[in-house]
Amino acid sequence: MMKTRILGRTGLSVSEIAFGGVEIGMPYGLGAHEMPDEASAIQLLQKAVESGINFFDTARHYGESERLMGLAFQDIRDRVILATKCVHFKDEEGNIPAYPELKAIVRESLEESLKNLKTDYVDVFMVHYADMDILQNEDVARVFSEIQGEGHVKNIGVSVYKVEETAKAIQSGIWDAIQLPFNLMDQSHGDCFQYADEKGVGIIVRSVLMRGMLTERKFKMHKALKEVENHLEAYRAVAEVHFDNFPAYATKFALKHPQVSSVLVGIDKEEYLHASIRNLEGNALSNELFKESQQMKYPDPSFLNLAEWDRKGWL
């Protein structure tokens, strides 16, 4: 039975596993494979609901993802919680448009999302990667707050990469939820979890499997990543002793943090759906193993930049 948790002050009761919608909408990830066809994607989404998942994450930039969710959920909208993200609104020079233009961009993006999703409201409407520039911009805060007041958006949030962005988003008092990267190797955002909890900000965790590295799949790693490989092996050894598999360990570690409402898992096949749900079964993480896992984290999280490794040809 899938458990649910309350997403901060939103009051939304979300499934511990959230369905990450990027893979059904576009090729994505390390060694990205073919996407499911339309009928399979719709069936997969509906099966997720039948399996107890009620929280679905998508974005305007995820190809066909919103449209497929719209088709899958048009008759069961009341059974799902939908989070989507606005288009990127910085211009080519990296500047944020002035208030009138910004509001027009954000509103148009929302209207397009509502049309794709075949609904008249989204449960969480997010900035798709809020950097410090965006988080410090008063017009962005104003636009999202105003749109939230208009009825088609129940809650507003941000998707971030860096710890200082998470801290800033919590401190602003505006955002209801934050989606952030967090996993066994990179636990840096965990420093903000207590602060988020005190402020009623919901935490949605992504990258829990570090794009497939915290799984049984062993990557041939460049010699520059030797230390990373050693860390992965140490975690793998713990997983073999205590858990059915490595992803179960990684998922349970994230959910051991009471401030985490939901863990986002990219799902594009039925076998991944079932595997993600199975990862919650069996023994929870003991307090002792939890502490040990915290101490094993990679000492320099800033080095764990997979996009950078890709650019350097290390993957």
C-alpha atoms as a PDB file:
ATOM      1  CA  MET A   1       0.000   0.000   0.000  1.00  0.00           C
ATOM      2  CA  MET A   2       1.521   3.311  -1.102  1.00  0.00           C
ATOM      3  CA  LYS A   3       1.893   5.719   1.812  1.00  0.00           C
ATOM      4  CA  THR A   4       1.283   9.437   1.471  1.00  0.00           C
ATOM      5  CA  ARG A   5       2.830  12.474   3.148  1.00  0.00           C
ATOM      6  CA  ILE A   6       1.654  16.058   3.459  1.00  0.00           C
ATOM      7  CA  LEU A   7       3.491  18.469   1.134  1.00  0.00           C
ATOM      8  CA  GLY A   8       4.380  21.293   3.518  1.00  0.00           C
ATOM      9  CA  ARG A   9       1.743  23.989   4.005  1.00  0.00           C
ATOM     10  CA  THR A  10      -0.037  23.053   0.750  1.00  0.00           C
ATOM     11  CA  GLY A  11      -2.000  20.441   2.699  1.00  0.00           C
ATOM     12  CA  LEU A  12      -1.746  18.141  -0.340  1.00  0.00           C
ATOM     13  CA  SER A  13      -1.437  14.477   0.561  1.00  0.00           C
ATOM     14  CA  VAL A  14       1.117  13.174  -1.982  1.00  0.00           C
ATOM     15  CA  SER A  15       2.334   9.626  -2.616  1.00  0.00           C
ATOM     16  CA  GLU A  16       5.863   8.901  -1.353  1.00  0.00           C
ATOM     17  CA  ILE A  17       6.801   8.089  -4.938  1.00  0.00           C
ATOM     18  CA  ALA A  18       6.080  10.825  -7.468  1.00  0.00           C
ATOM     19  CA  PHE A  19       5.933   9.950 -11.156  1.00  0.00           C
ATOM     20  CA  GLY A  20       8.603  11.931 -13.021  1.00  0.00           C
ATOM     21  CA  GLY A  21       7.144  12.727 -16.433  1.00  0.00           C
ATOM     22  CA  VAL A  22      10.216  13.734 -18.407  1.00  0.00           C
ATOM     23  CA  GLU A  23      11.020  10.280 -19.826  1.00  0.00           C
ATOM     24  CA  ILE A  24       7.572   9.738 -21.339  1.00  0.00           C
ATOM     25  CA  GLY A  25       7.799  13.107 -23.092  1.00  0.00           C
ATOM     26  CA  MET A  26      11.301  13.178 -24.557  1.00  0.00           C
ATOM     27  CA  PRO A  27      14.566  11.192 -24.729  1.00  0.00           C
ATOM     28  CA  TYR A  28      16.385  11.840 -21.448  1.00  0.00           C
ATOM     29  CA  GLY A  29      19.119  10.519 -19.164  1.00  0.00           C
ATOM     30  CA  LEU A  30      22.354   8.618 -19.561  1.00  0.00           C
ATOM     31  CA  GLY A  31      22.089   6.410 -22.627  1.00  0.00           C
ATOM     32  CA  ALA A  32      18.533   7.630 -23.253  1.00  0.00           C
ATOM     33  CA  HIS A  33      16.386   5.007 -24.917  1.00  0.00           C
ATOM     34  CA  GLU A  34      13.230   5.089 -26.980  1.00  0.00           C
ATOM     35  CA  MET A  35      10.166   6.649 -25.481  1.00  0.00           C
ATOM     36  CA  PRO A  36       6.937   4.685 -25.097  1.00  0.00           C
ATOM     37  CA  ASP A  37       4.318   5.271 -27.795  1.00  0.00           C
ATOM     38  CA  GLU A  38       1.249   7.323 -26.933  1.00  0.00           C
ATOM     39  CA  ALA A  39      -1.048   4.425 -26.010  1.00  0.00           C
ATOM     40  CA  SER A  40       1.629   2.791 -23.806  1.00  0.00           C
ATOM     41  CA  ALA A  41       2.397   6.098 -22.056  1.00  0.00           C
ATOM     42  CA  ILE A  42      -1.299   6.683 -21.276  1.00  0.00           C
ATOM     43  CA  GLN A  43      -1.675   3.119 -20.008  1.00  0.00           C
ATOM     44  CA  LEU A  44       1.461   3.511 -17.864  1.00  0.00           C
ATOM     45  CA  LEU A  45       0.172   6.726 -16.272  1.00  0.00           C
ATOM     46  CA  GLN A  46      -3.198   5.152 -15.481  1.00  0.00           C
ATOM     47  CA  LYS A  47      -1.492   2.049 -14.060  1.00  0.00           C
ATOM     48  CA  ALA A  48       0.553   4.332 -11.800  1.00  0.00           C
ATOM     49  CA  VAL A  49      -2.700   5.738 -10.371  1.00  0.00           C
ATOM     50  CA  GLU A  50      -4.091   2.219  -9.868  1.00  0.00           C
ATOM     51  CA  SER A  51      -0.838   1.358  -8.039  1.00  0.00           C
ATOM     52  CA  GLY A  52      -1.312   4.199  -5.544  1.00  0.00           C
ATOM     53  CA  ILE A  53       0.809   6.958  -7.099  1.00  0.00           C
ATOM     54  CA  ASN A  54      -1.160  10.205  -7.075  1.00  0.00           C
ATOM     55  CA  PHE A  55       1.599  12.797  -7.624  1.00  0.00           C
ATOM     56  CA  PHE A  56       2.762  13.532 -11.174  1.00  0.00           C
ATOM     57  CA  ASP A  57       5.520  15.935 -12.166  1.00  0.00           C
ATOM     58  CA  THR A  58       5.824  17.442 -15.620  1.00  0.00           C
ATOM     59  CA  ALA A  59       6.847  20.665 -17.388  1.00  0.00           C
ATOM     60  CA  ARG A  60       6.266  22.694 -20.524  1.00  0.00           C
ATOM     61  CA  HIS A  61       9.808  21.739 -21.580  1.00  0.00           C
ATOM     62  CA  TYR A  62       9.208  17.965 -21.299  1.00  0.00           C
ATOM     63  CA  GLY A  63       8.128  17.409 -24.887  1.00  0.00           C
ATOM     64  CA  GLU A  64       4.823  15.508 -25.056  1.00  0.00           C
ATOM     65  CA  SER A  65       4.638  14.834 -21.317  1.00  0.00           C
ATOM     66  CA  GLU A  66       1.880  17.308 -20.359  1.00  0.00           C
ATOM     67  CA  ARG A  67      -0.298  16.332 -23.310  1.00  0.00           C
ATOM     68  CA  LEU A  68      -0.026  12.625 -22.468  1.00  0.00           C
ATOM     69  CA  MET A  69      -0.946  13.289 -18.835  1.00  0.00           C
ATOM     70  CA  GLY A  70      -3.937  15.308 -20.021  1.00  0.00           C
ATOM     71  CA  LEU A  71      -5.173  12.360 -22.080  1.00  0.00           C
ATOM     72  CA  ALA A  72      -4.501   9.856 -19.287  1.00  0.00           C
ATOM     73  CA  PHE A  73      -6.164  11.832 -16.498  1.00  0.00           C
ATOM     74  CA  GLN A  74      -9.057  13.666 -18.179  1.00  0.00           C
ATOM     75  CA  ASP A  75     -11.628  11.376 -16.512  1.00  0.00           C
ATOM     76  CA  ILE A  76      -9.819  10.968 -13.176  1.00  0.00           C
ATOM     77  CA  ARG A  77      -8.529  14.495 -12.532  1.00  0.00           C
ATOM     78  CA  ASP A  78      -9.762  14.413  -8.930  1.00  0.00           C
ATOM     79  CA  ARG A  79      -7.520  11.403  -8.198  1.00  0.00           C
ATOM     80  CA  VAL A  80      -4.231  13.037  -9.205  1.00  0.00           C
ATOM     81  CA  ILE A  81      -2.041  15.887  -8.010  1.00  0.00           C
ATOM     82  CA  LEU A  82      -0.333  17.653 -10.901  1.00  0.00           C
ATOM     83  CA  ALA A  83       2.850  19.706 -10.711  1.00  0.00           C
ATOM     84  CA  THR A  84       4.099  21.440 -13.829  1.00  0.00           C
ATOM     85  CA  LYS A  85       6.762  24.007 -14.612  1.00  0.00           C
ATOM     86  CA  CYS A  86       6.702  27.266 -16.507  1.00  0.00           C
ATOM     87  CA  VAL A  87       8.774  27.831 -19.659  1.00  0.00           C
ATOM     88  CA  HIS A  88      12.241  29.303 -19.166  1.00  0.00           C
ATOM     89  CA  PHE A  89      11.727  33.065 -19.244  1.00  0.00           C
ATOM     90  CA  LYS A  90      15.254  34.498 -19.312  1.00  0.00           C
ATOM     91  CA  ASP A  91      16.245  35.994 -22.660  1.00  0.00           C
ATOM     92  CA  GLU A  92      19.338  34.988 -24.683  1.00  0.00           C
ATOM     93  CA  GLU A  93      21.529  37.347 -22.655  1.00  0.00           C
ATOM     94  CA  GLY A  94      20.286  35.729 -19.459  1.00  0.00           C
ATOM     95  CA  ASN A  95      18.152  38.713 -18.415  1.00  0.00           C
ATOM     96  CA  ILE A  96      14.733  38.439 -16.797  1.00  0.00           C
ATOM     97  CA  PRO A  97      12.115  40.471 -18.688  1.00  0.00           C
ATOM     98  CA  ALA A  98      10.409  43.412 -16.986  1.00  0.00           C
ATOM     99  CA  TYR A  99       7.156  42.774 -15.103  1.00  0.00           C
ATOM    100  CA  PRO A 100       4.581  43.252 -17.938  1.00  0.00           C
ATOM    101  CA  GLU A 101       6.422  40.974 -20.387  1.00  0.00           C
ATOM    102  CA  LEU A 102       7.281  38.464 -17.665  1.00  0.00           C
ATOM    103  CA  LYS A 103       3.658  38.202 -16.574  1.00  0.00           C
ATOM    104  CA  ALA A 104       2.568  37.658 -20.195  1.00  0.00           C
ATOM    105  CA  ILE A 105       5.154  34.851 -20.662  1.00  0.00           C
ATOM    106  CA  VAL A 106       4.243  33.093 -17.416  1.00  0.00           C
ATOM    107  CA  ARG A 107       0.504  33.415 -18.000  1.00  0.00           C
ATOM    108  CA  GLU A 108       0.799  32.098 -21.567  1.00  0.00           C
ATOM    109  CA  SER A 109       2.888  29.170 -20.325  1.00  0.00           C
ATOM    110  CA  LEU A 110       0.263  28.339 -17.687  1.00  0.00           C
ATOM    111  CA  GLU A 111      -2.576  28.566 -20.225  1.00  0.00           C
ATOM    112  CA  GLU A 112      -0.712  26.183 -22.536  1.00  0.00           C
ATOM    113  CA  SER A 113      -0.145  23.772 -19.618  1.00  0.00           C
ATOM    114  CA  LEU A 114      -3.825  23.854 -18.630  1.00  0.00           C
ATOM    115  CA  LYS A 115      -4.821  23.140 -22.220  1.00  0.00           C
ATOM    116  CA  ASN A 116      -2.319  20.261 -22.531  1.00  0.00           C
ATOM    117  CA  LEU A 117      -3.305  18.802 -19.166  1.00  0.00           C
ATOM    118  CA  LYS A 118      -7.028  19.160 -19.977  1.00  0.00           C
ATOM    119  CA  THR A 119      -7.728  20.785 -16.615  1.00  0.00           C
ATOM    120  CA  ASP A 120      -8.674  24.190 -15.221  1.00  0.00           C
ATOM    121  CA  TYR A 121      -6.100  24.151 -12.406  1.00  0.00           C
ATOM    122  CA  VAL A 122      -2.666  22.811 -11.495  1.00  0.00           C
ATOM    123  CA  ASP A 123      -1.859  21.815  -7.937  1.00  0.00           C
ATOM    124  CA  VAL A 124       1.716  23.112  -8.051  1.00  0.00           C
ATOM    125  CA  PHE A 125       3.052  25.572 -10.644  1.00  0.00           C
ATOM    126  CA  MET A 126       6.823  25.918 -10.562  1.00  0.00           C
ATOM    127  CA  VAL A 127       9.695  27.982 -11.904  1.00  0.00           C
ATOM    128  CA  HIS A 128      11.758  25.584 -14.013  1.00  0.00           C
ATOM    129  CA  TYR A 129      15.216  26.053 -12.503  1.00  0.00           C
ATOM    130  CA  ALA A 130      15.197  29.072 -10.253  1.00  0.00           C
ATOM    131  CA  ASP A 131      18.742  30.399  -9.955  1.00  0.00           C
ATOM    132  CA  MET A 132      19.754  33.175  -7.532  1.00  0.00           C
ATOM    133  CA  ASP A 133      18.946  35.817 -10.142  1.00  0.00           C
ATOM    134  CA  ILE A 134      15.375  34.578 -10.396  1.00  0.00           C
ATOM    135  CA  LEU A 135      15.000  34.040  -6.650  1.00  0.00           C
ATOM    136  CA  GLN A 136      16.129  37.591  -5.896  1.00  0.00           C
ATOM    137  CA  ASN A 137      13.902  39.134  -8.550  1.00  0.00           C
ATOM    138  CA  GLU A 138      10.855  40.836  -7.057  1.00  0.00           C
ATOM    139  CA  ASP A 139       8.910  40.752 -10.333  1.00  0.00           C
ATOM    140  CA  VAL A 140       9.150  36.945 -10.487  1.00  0.00           C
ATOM    141  CA  ALA A 141       7.817  36.636  -6.941  1.00  0.00           C
ATOM    142  CA  ARG A 142       5.058  39.143  -7.710  1.00  0.00           C
ATOM    143  CA  VAL A 143       3.989  37.455 -10.969  1.00  0.00           C
ATOM    144  CA  PHE A 144       3.781  33.974  -9.438  1.00  0.00           C
ATOM    145  CA  SER A 145       1.997  35.245  -6.317  1.00  0.00           C
ATOM    146  CA  GLU A 146      -0.564  37.116  -8.420  1.00  0.00           C
ATOM    147  CA  ILE A 147      -1.178  34.122 -10.669  1.00  0.00           C
ATOM    148  CA  GLN A 148      -1.625  31.954  -7.585  1.00  0.00           C
ATOM    149  CA  GLY A 149      -4.341  34.361  -6.438  1.00  0.00           C
ATOM    150  CA  GLU A 150      -6.295  33.969  -9.691  1.00  0.00           C
ATOM    151  CA  GLY A 151      -7.520  30.436  -9.005  1.00  0.00           C
ATOM    152  CA  HIS A 152      -5.928  28.267 -11.709  1.00  0.00           C
ATOM    153  CA  VAL A 153      -2.829  27.612  -9.574  1.00  0.00           C
ATOM    154  CA  LYS A 154      -3.267  26.193  -6.076  1.00  0.00           C
ATOM    155  CA  ASN A 155       0.373  26.394  -4.963  1.00  0.00           C
ATOM    156  CA  ILE A 156       3.616  27.799  -6.340  1.00  0.00           C
ATOM    157  CA  GLY A 157       7.109  26.369  -6.201  1.00  0.00           C
ATOM    158  CA  VAL A 158      10.605  26.332  -7.606  1.00  0.00           C
ATOM    159  CA  SER A 159      12.950  23.725  -9.004  1.00  0.00           C
ATOM    160  CA  VAL A 160      16.567  24.353  -7.952  1.00  0.00           C
ATOM    161  CA  TYR A 161      20.078  22.877  -8.210  1.00  0.00           C
ATOM    162  CA  LYS A 162      22.200  24.603  -5.566  1.00  0.00           C
ATOM    163  CA  VAL A 163      21.937  24.678  -1.786  1.00  0.00           C
ATOM    164  CA  GLU A 164      22.024  28.487  -1.624  1.00  0.00           C
ATOM    165  CA  GLU A 165      19.027  28.538  -3.987  1.00  0.00           C
ATOM    166  CA  THR A 166      17.089  26.229  -1.682  1.00  0.00           C
ATOM    167  CA  ALA A 167      17.960  28.392   1.340  1.00  0.00           C
ATOM    168  CA  LYS A 168      16.941  31.576  -0.512  1.00  0.00           C
ATOM    169  CA  ALA A 169      13.650  30.066  -1.718  1.00  0.00           C
ATOM    170  CA  ILE A 170      12.718  29.011   1.827  1.00  0.00           C
ATOM    171  CA  GLN A 171      13.740  32.358   3.306  1.00  0.00           C
ATOM    172  CA  SER A 172      11.641  34.345   0.795  1.00  0.00           C
ATOM    173  CA  GLY A 173       8.428  32.968   2.340  1.00  0.00           C
ATOM    174  CA  ILE A 174       6.724  32.953  -1.072  1.00  0.00           C
ATOM    175  CA  TRP A 175       7.237  29.452  -2.401  1.00  0.00           C
ATOM    176  CA  ASP A 176       5.096  26.573  -1.122  1.00  0.00           C
ATOM    177  CA  ALA A 177       7.285  23.754  -2.451  1.00  0.00           C
ATOM    178  CA  ILE A 178      10.834  23.154  -3.638  1.00  0.00           C
ATOM    179  CA  GLN A 179      12.037  20.423  -5.952  1.00  0.00           C
ATOM    180  CA  LEU A 180      15.729  19.712  -5.381  1.00  0.00           C
ATOM    181  CA  PRO A 181      18.435  17.108  -6.020  1.00  0.00           C
ATOM    182  CA  PHE A 182      19.272  14.847  -3.078  1.00  0.00           C
ATOM    183  CA  ASN A 183      20.747  11.368  -2.804  1.00  0.00           C
ATOM    184  CA  LEU A 184      23.141   9.166  -0.833  1.00  0.00           C
ATOM    185  CA  MET A 185      26.180  10.694  -2.531  1.00  0.00           C
ATOM    186  CA  ASP A 186      25.092  14.336  -2.546  1.00  0.00           C
ATOM    187  CA  GLN A 187      23.296  15.162   0.695  1.00  0.00           C
ATOM    188  CA  SER A 188      24.128  18.881   0.653  1.00  0.00           C
ATOM    189  CA  HIS A 189      20.508  20.148   0.397  1.00  0.00           C
ATOM    190  CA  GLY A 190      19.719  18.191   3.572  1.00  0.00           C
ATOM    191  CA  ASP A 191      21.171  21.103   5.537  1.00  0.00           C
ATOM    192  CA  CYS A 192      18.032  23.084   4.614  1.00  0.00           C
ATOM    193  CA  PHE A 193      15.415  20.422   5.416  1.00  0.00           C
ATOM    194  CA  GLN A 194      14.746  21.522   8.992  1.00  0.00           C
ATOM    195  CA  TYR A 195      14.454  25.184   7.907  1.00  0.00           C
ATOM    196  CA  ALA A 196      11.968  24.192   5.186  1.00  0.00           C
ATOM    197  CA  ASP A 197       9.935  22.247   7.705  1.00  0.00           C
ATOM    198  CA  GLU A 198       9.789  25.187  10.111  1.00  0.00           C
ATOM    199  CA  LYS A 199       8.590  27.457   7.278  1.00  0.00           C
ATOM    200  CA  GLY A 200       6.046  24.940   5.985  1.00  0.00           C
ATOM    201  CA  VAL A 201       7.797  24.504   2.640  1.00  0.00           C
ATOM    202  CA  GLY A 202       7.240  21.109   1.004  1.00  0.00           C
ATOM    203  CA  ILE A 203      10.306  19.192  -0.214  1.00  0.00           C
ATOM    204  CA  ILE A 204      10.180  17.097  -3.396  1.00  0.00           C
ATOM    205  CA  VAL A 205      13.402  15.173  -4.023  1.00  0.00           C
ATOM    206  CA  ARG A 206      14.740  14.328  -7.472  1.00  0.00           C
ATOM    207  CA  SER A 207      17.985  12.615  -8.637  1.00  0.00           C
ATOM    208  CA  VAL A 208      17.549  10.055  -5.880  1.00  0.00           C
ATOM    209  CA  LEU A 209      19.300   7.445  -8.057  1.00  0.00           C
ATOM    210  CA  MET A 210      21.851   9.968  -9.390  1.00  0.00           C
ATOM    211  CA  ARG A 211      20.789   9.351 -12.996  1.00  0.00           C
ATOM    212  CA  GLY A 212      21.176   5.613 -12.673  1.00  0.00           C
ATOM    213  CA  MET A 213      24.463   5.511 -10.784  1.00  0.00           C
ATOM    214  CA  LEU A 214      22.838   4.358  -7.547  1.00  0.00           C
ATOM    215  CA  THR A 215      21.562   1.208  -9.211  1.00  0.00           C
ATOM    216  CA  GLU A 216      22.966  -2.221 -10.069  1.00  0.00           C
ATOM    217  CA  ARG A 217      23.955  -0.830 -13.462  1.00  0.00           C
ATOM    218  CA  LYS A 218      27.710  -0.349 -13.374  1.00  0.00           C
ATOM    219  CA  PHE A 219      29.077   2.379 -15.606  1.00  0.00           C
ATOM    220  CA  LYS A 220      32.548   2.194 -17.086  1.00  0.00           C
ATOM    221  CA  MET A 221      33.981   5.206 -15.316  1.00  0.00           C
ATOM    222  CA  HIS A 222      36.835   7.479 -16.319  1.00  0.00           C
ATOM    223  CA  LYS A 223      39.930   7.352 -14.104  1.00  0.00           C
ATOM    224  CA  ALA A 224      39.170  10.932 -12.960  1.00  0.00           C
ATOM    225  CA  LEU A 225      36.090   9.468 -11.236  1.00  0.00           C
ATOM    226  CA  LYS A 226      37.954   6.765  -9.309  1.00  0.00           C
ATOM    227  CA  GLU A 227      37.008   8.220  -5.930  1.00  0.00           C
ATOM    228  CA  VAL A 228      33.366   8.512  -6.973  1.00  0.00           C
ATOM    229  CA  GLU A 229      33.479   4.861  -8.018  1.00  0.00           C
ATOM    230  CA  ASN A 230      34.921   3.861  -4.635  1.00  0.00           C
ATOM    231  CA  HIS A 231      32.079   5.683  -2.880  1.00  0.00           C
ATOM    232  CA  LEU A 232      29.482   4.006  -5.065  1.00  0.00           C
ATOM    233  CA  GLU A 233      31.017   0.605  -4.316  1.00  0.00           C
ATOM    234  CA  ALA A 234      30.919   1.267  -0.555  1.00  0.00           C
ATOM    235  CA  TYR A 235      27.196   2.083  -0.773  1.00  0.00           C
ATOM    236  CA  ARG A 236      26.647  -0.904  -3.040  1.00  0.00           C
ATOM    237  CA  ALA A 237      28.170  -3.176  -0.392  1.00  0.00           C
ATOM    238  CA  VAL A 238      25.744  -1.801   2.241  1.00  0.00           C
ATOM    239  CA  ALA A 239      22.810  -2.315  -0.149  1.00  0.00           C
ATOM    240  CA  GLU A 240      23.788  -5.959  -0.745  1.00  0.00           C
ATOM    241  CA  VAL A 241      23.763  -6.750   2.964  1.00  0.00           C
ATOM    242  CA  HIS A 242      20.651  -4.842   4.060  1.00  0.00           C
ATOM    243  CA  PHE A 243      18.334  -4.400   1.070  1.00  0.00           C
ATOM    244  CA  ASP A 244      16.840  -6.187  -1.911  1.00  0.00           C
ATOM    245  CA  ASN A 245      18.665  -3.858  -4.267  1.00  0.00           C
ATOM    246  CA  PHE A 246      20.602  -0.602  -4.481  1.00  0.00           C
ATOM    247  CA  PRO A 247      17.640   1.618  -5.588  1.00  0.00           C
ATOM    248  CA  ALA A 248      15.616   0.410  -2.573  1.00  0.00           C
ATOM    249  CA  TYR A 249      18.432   1.607  -0.285  1.00  0.00           C
ATOM    250  CA  ALA A 250      18.706   4.954  -2.101  1.00  0.00           C
ATOM    251  CA  THR A 251      14.926   5.548  -2.034  1.00  0.00           C
ATOM    252  CA  LYS A 252      14.542   4.576   1.608  1.00  0.00           C
ATOM    253  CA  PHE A 253      17.448   6.800   2.590  1.00  0.00           C
ATOM    254  CA  ALA A 254      15.746   9.861   1.064  1.00  0.00           C
ATOM    255  CA  LEU A 255      12.396   8.998   2.653  1.00  0.00           C
ATOM    256  CA  LYS A 256      13.992   8.482   6.078  1.00  0.00           C
ATOM    257  CA  HIS A 257      14.090  12.305   6.207  1.00  0.00           C
ATOM    258  CA  PRO A 258      10.650  13.233   7.599  1.00  0.00           C
ATOM    259  CA  GLN A 259      10.750  16.622   5.855  1.00  0.00           C
ATOM    260  CA  VAL A 260      10.824  14.939   2.412  1.00  0.00           C
ATOM    261  CA  SER A 261       7.264  14.567   1.129  1.00  0.00           C
ATOM    262  CA  SER A 262       7.893  12.704  -2.084  1.00  0.00           C
ATOM    263  CA  VAL A 263      10.701  11.168  -4.128  1.00  0.00           C
ATOM    264  CA  LEU A 264      10.534  11.773  -7.857  1.00  0.00           C
ATOM    265  CA  VAL A 265      11.274   8.738 -10.020  1.00  0.00           C
ATOM    266  CA  GLY A 266      11.552   8.920 -13.808  1.00  0.00           C
ATOM    267  CA  ILE A 267       9.301   6.176 -15.155  1.00  0.00           C
ATOM    268  CA  ASP A 268       8.832   5.197 -18.791  1.00  0.00           C
ATOM    269  CA  LYS A 269       8.149   1.442 -18.540  1.00  0.00           C
ATOM    270  CA  GLU A 270       5.771  -0.655 -16.492  1.00  0.00           C
ATOM    271  CA  GLU A 271       8.669  -2.680 -15.040  1.00  0.00           C
ATOM    272  CA  TYR A 272      10.194   0.563 -13.654  1.00  0.00           C
ATOM    273  CA  LEU A 273       6.834   1.503 -12.160  1.00  0.00           C
ATOM    274  CA  HIS A 274       6.579  -1.798 -10.298  1.00  0.00           C
ATOM    275  CA  ALA A 275      10.253  -1.694  -9.297  1.00  0.00           C
ATOM    276  CA  SER A 276       9.857   1.847  -7.867  1.00  0.00           C
ATOM    277  CA  ILE A 277       6.910   0.742  -5.757  1.00  0.00           C
ATOM    278  CA  ARG A 278       8.704  -2.441  -4.635  1.00  0.00           C
ATOM    279  CA  ASN A 279      11.618  -0.279  -3.459  1.00  0.00           C
ATOM    280  CA  LEU A 280       9.401   0.931  -0.605  1.00  0.00           C
ATOM    281  CA  GLU A 281       8.627  -2.570   0.624  1.00  0.00           C
ATOM    282  CA  GLY A 282      10.447  -4.550   3.308  1.00  0.00           C
ATOM    283  CA  ASN A 283      12.672  -3.116   6.029  1.00  0.00           C
ATOM    284  CA  ALA A 284      12.941   0.605   6.571  1.00  0.00           C
ATOM    285  CA  LEU A 285      16.376   2.091   7.203  1.00  0.00           C
ATOM    286  CA  SER A 286      17.428   1.626  10.833  1.00  0.00           C
ATOM    287  CA  ASN A 287      18.545   4.762  12.692  1.00  0.00           C
ATOM    288  CA  GLU A 288      22.027   3.289  12.956  1.00  0.00           C
ATOM    289  CA  LEU A 289      22.303   2.605   9.221  1.00  0.00           C
ATOM    290  CA  PHE A 290      20.813   6.044   8.512  1.00  0.00           C
ATOM    291  CA  LYS A 291      23.599   7.728  10.508  1.00  0.00           C
ATOM    292  CA  GLU A 292      26.228   5.551   8.857  1.00  0.00           C
ATOM    293  CA  SER A 293      24.826   6.428   5.397  1.00  0.00           C
ATOM    294  CA  GLN A 294      24.943  10.143   6.238  1.00  0.00           C
ATOM    295  CA  GLN A 295      28.583   9.864   7.223  1.00  0.00           C
ATOM    296  CA  MET A 296      29.462   8.056   3.991  1.00  0.00           C
ATOM    297  CA  LYS A 297      28.364  10.982   1.777  1.00  0.00           C
ATOM    298  CA  TYR A 298      30.766  12.213  -0.887  1.00  0.00           C
ATOM    299  CA  PRO A 299      32.995  14.866   0.723  1.00  0.00           C
ATOM    300  CA  ASP A 300      32.899  17.320  -2.194  1.00  0.00           C
ATOM    301  CA  PRO A 301      29.312  17.438  -3.546  1.00  0.00           C
ATOM    302  CA  SER A 302      30.183  20.255  -5.971  1.00  0.00           C
ATOM    303  CA  PHE A 303      32.281  17.710  -7.899  1.00  0.00           C
ATOM    304  CA  LEU A 304      29.191  15.541  -8.500  1.00  0.00           C
ATOM    305  CA  ASN A 305      28.141  17.428 -11.616  1.00  0.00           C
ATOM    306  CA  LEU A 306      27.068  14.874 -14.192  1.00  0.00           C
ATOM    307  CA  ALA A 307      26.526  17.449 -16.935  1.00  0.00           C
ATOM    308  CA  GLU A 308      30.113  18.588 -16.405  1.00  0.00           C
ATOM    309  CA  TRP A 309      31.408  14.985 -16.533  1.00  0.00           C
ATOM    310  CA  ASP A 310      29.487  14.525 -19.772  1.00  0.00           C
ATOM    311  CA  ARG A 311      31.101  17.641 -21.267  1.00  0.00           C
ATOM    312  CA  LYS A 312      34.534  16.369 -20.294  1.00  0.00           C
ATOM    313  CA  GLY A 313      33.822  13.002 -21.882  1.00  0.00           C
ATOM    314  CA  TRP A 314      34.105  11.149 -18.557  1.00  0.00           C
ATOM    315  CA  LEU A 315      30.845   9.230 -18.990  1.00  0.00           C
END
